[in-house]
Amino acid sequence: LPGVAAIVRVETVAHLADRSRTDTRYFISSAALTPERAAEAVRGHWGIENRLHWVLDVLFGDDQSRLRTGHGATNMAVVRHFA
């Protein structure tokens, strides 16, 4: 694969009340990564996602929005992501 320097596999195990669940995710990077740096990059990705959704939910009231029909919800989501 041209431009690919690392393929990272992350396996997580969630222990629930009556069972366990294993999830496997794959990431592709153009940078050569140590295992430590790969873990930082994966955690950093989710931090960015979580901060974005916090801004949309808290500052723009995205969860309480009444836009549910037509193209209104999609249009407002695009506008909010520009802010």
C-alpha atoms as a PDB file:
ATOM      1  CA  LEU A   1       0.000   0.000   0.000  1.00  0.00           C
ATOM      2  CA  PRO A   2       1.735   3.196  -1.123  1.00  0.00           C
ATOM      3  CA  GLY A   3       2.127   5.804   1.591  1.00  0.00           C
ATOM      4  CA  VAL A   4       1.235   3.430   4.419  1.00  0.00           C
ATOM      5  CA  ALA A   5       3.909   3.175   7.102  1.00  0.00           C
ATOM      6  CA  ALA A   6       1.885   1.484   9.844  1.00  0.00           C
ATOM      7  CA  ILE A   7      -1.248  -0.558  10.318  1.00  0.00           C
ATOM      8  CA  VAL A   8      -2.370  -0.569  13.939  1.00  0.00           C
ATOM      9  CA  ARG A   9      -4.681  -3.151  15.477  1.00  0.00           C
ATOM     10  CA  VAL A  10      -6.403  -2.222  18.743  1.00  0.00           C
ATOM     11  CA  GLU A  11      -8.297  -4.853  20.676  1.00  0.00           C
ATOM     12  CA  THR A  12     -10.511  -3.863  23.608  1.00  0.00           C
ATOM     13  CA  VAL A  13     -12.376  -6.086  26.035  1.00  0.00           C
ATOM     14  CA  ALA A  14     -15.449  -4.795  27.860  1.00  0.00           C
ATOM     15  CA  HIS A  15     -16.521  -6.783  30.902  1.00  0.00           C
ATOM     16  CA  LEU A  16     -20.274  -6.468  31.300  1.00  0.00           C
ATOM     17  CA  ALA A  17     -22.453  -7.810  34.117  1.00  0.00           C
ATOM     18  CA  ASP A  18     -23.082 -11.220  32.572  1.00  0.00           C
ATOM     19  CA  ARG A  19     -20.643 -11.413  29.665  1.00  0.00           C
ATOM     20  CA  SER A  20     -17.541  -9.965  28.019  1.00  0.00           C
ATOM     21  CA  ARG A  21     -17.310  -8.321  24.619  1.00  0.00           C
ATOM     22  CA  THR A  22     -14.181  -7.988  22.492  1.00  0.00           C
ATOM     23  CA  ASP A  23     -13.888  -5.321  19.800  1.00  0.00           C
ATOM     24  CA  THR A  24     -11.082  -5.045  17.249  1.00  0.00           C
ATOM     25  CA  ARG A  25     -10.355  -1.805  15.387  1.00  0.00           C
ATOM     26  CA  TYR A  26      -7.769  -1.078  12.708  1.00  0.00           C
ATOM     27  CA  PHE A  27      -6.025   2.207  11.940  1.00  0.00           C
ATOM     28  CA  ILE A  28      -3.794   3.109   8.992  1.00  0.00           C
ATOM     29  CA  SER A  29      -1.007   5.674   9.314  1.00  0.00           C
ATOM     30  CA  SER A  30       1.445   7.283   6.943  1.00  0.00           C
ATOM     31  CA  ALA A  31       3.867   7.721   9.876  1.00  0.00           C
ATOM     32  CA  ALA A  32       6.021   4.978  11.347  1.00  0.00           C
ATOM     33  CA  LEU A  33       4.699   4.492  14.893  1.00  0.00           C
ATOM     34  CA  THR A  34       5.990   2.850  18.030  1.00  0.00           C
ATOM     35  CA  PRO A  35       3.327   1.011  20.026  1.00  0.00           C
ATOM     36  CA  GLU A  36       3.332   3.868  22.551  1.00  0.00           C
ATOM     37  CA  ARG A  37       2.876   6.533  19.878  1.00  0.00           C
ATOM     38  CA  ALA A  38       0.138   4.512  18.176  1.00  0.00           C
ATOM     39  CA  ALA A  39      -1.767   4.298  21.485  1.00  0.00           C
ATOM     40  CA  GLU A  40      -1.435   8.077  21.961  1.00  0.00           C
ATOM     41  CA  ALA A  41      -2.688   8.721  18.430  1.00  0.00           C
ATOM     42  CA  VAL A  42      -5.722   6.451  18.882  1.00  0.00           C
ATOM     43  CA  ARG A  43      -6.638   8.057  22.214  1.00  0.00           C
ATOM     44  CA  GLY A  44      -6.050  11.533  20.766  1.00  0.00           C
ATOM     45  CA  HIS A  45      -8.420  10.811  17.867  1.00  0.00           C
ATOM     46  CA  TRP A  46     -11.268  10.046  20.262  1.00  0.00           C
ATOM     47  CA  GLY A  47     -10.469  13.121  22.354  1.00  0.00           C
ATOM     48  CA  ILE A  48     -10.975  15.311  19.282  1.00  0.00           C
ATOM     49  CA  GLU A  49     -14.240  13.539  18.446  1.00  0.00           C
ATOM     50  CA  ASN A  50     -15.521  13.903  22.005  1.00  0.00           C
ATOM     51  CA  ARG A  51     -14.624  17.619  22.210  1.00  0.00           C
ATOM     52  CA  LEU A  52     -16.374  18.304  18.900  1.00  0.00           C
ATOM     53  CA  HIS A  53     -19.562  16.613  20.050  1.00  0.00           C
ATOM     54  CA  TRP A  54     -19.399  18.418  23.416  1.00  0.00           C
ATOM     55  CA  VAL A  55     -19.293  21.759  21.596  1.00  0.00           C
ATOM     56  CA  LEU A  56     -22.208  20.798  19.363  1.00  0.00           C
ATOM     57  CA  ASP A  57     -24.269  19.468  22.262  1.00  0.00           C
ATOM     58  CA  VAL A  58     -23.546  22.085  24.919  1.00  0.00           C
ATOM     59  CA  LEU A  59     -22.932  25.306  23.019  1.00  0.00           C
ATOM     60  CA  PHE A  60     -25.348  24.748  20.146  1.00  0.00           C
ATOM     61  CA  GLY A  61     -27.927  22.647  22.022  1.00  0.00           C
ATOM     62  CA  ASP A  62     -27.695  19.978  19.346  1.00  0.00           C
ATOM     63  CA  ASP A  63     -29.373  17.300  21.476  1.00  0.00           C
ATOM     64  CA  GLN A  64     -32.375  19.515  22.240  1.00  0.00           C
ATOM     65  CA  SER A  65     -32.831  20.692  18.669  1.00  0.00           C
ATOM     66  CA  ARG A  66     -36.401  20.479  17.358  1.00  0.00           C
ATOM     67  CA  LEU A  67     -35.281  20.218  13.722  1.00  0.00           C
ATOM     68  CA  ARG A  68     -36.494  16.754  12.812  1.00  0.00           C
ATOM     69  CA  THR A  69     -38.190  16.997   9.407  1.00  0.00           C
ATOM     70  CA  GLY A  70     -37.118  17.801   5.881  1.00  0.00           C
ATOM     71  CA  HIS A  71     -33.581  19.006   5.292  1.00  0.00           C
ATOM     72  CA  GLY A  72     -33.495  21.359   8.290  1.00  0.00           C
ATOM     73  CA  ALA A  73     -31.545  19.040  10.577  1.00  0.00           C
ATOM     74  CA  THR A  74     -28.932  18.276   7.924  1.00  0.00           C
ATOM     75  CA  ASN A  75     -28.538  21.930   6.977  1.00  0.00           C
ATOM     76  CA  MET A  76     -28.093  23.023  10.596  1.00  0.00           C
ATOM     77  CA  ALA A  77     -25.574  20.240  11.252  1.00  0.00           C
ATOM     78  CA  VAL A  78     -23.457  21.534   8.355  1.00  0.00           C
ATOM     79  CA  VAL A  79     -23.675  25.123   9.642  1.00  0.00           C
ATOM     80  CA  ARG A  80     -22.733  24.071  13.190  1.00  0.00           C
ATOM     81  CA  HIS A  81     -19.676  22.197  11.957  1.00  0.00           C
ATOM     82  CA  PHE A  82     -18.451  25.365  10.222  1.00  0.00           C
ATOM     83  CA  ALA A  83     -18.590  27.286  13.519  1.00  0.00           C
END
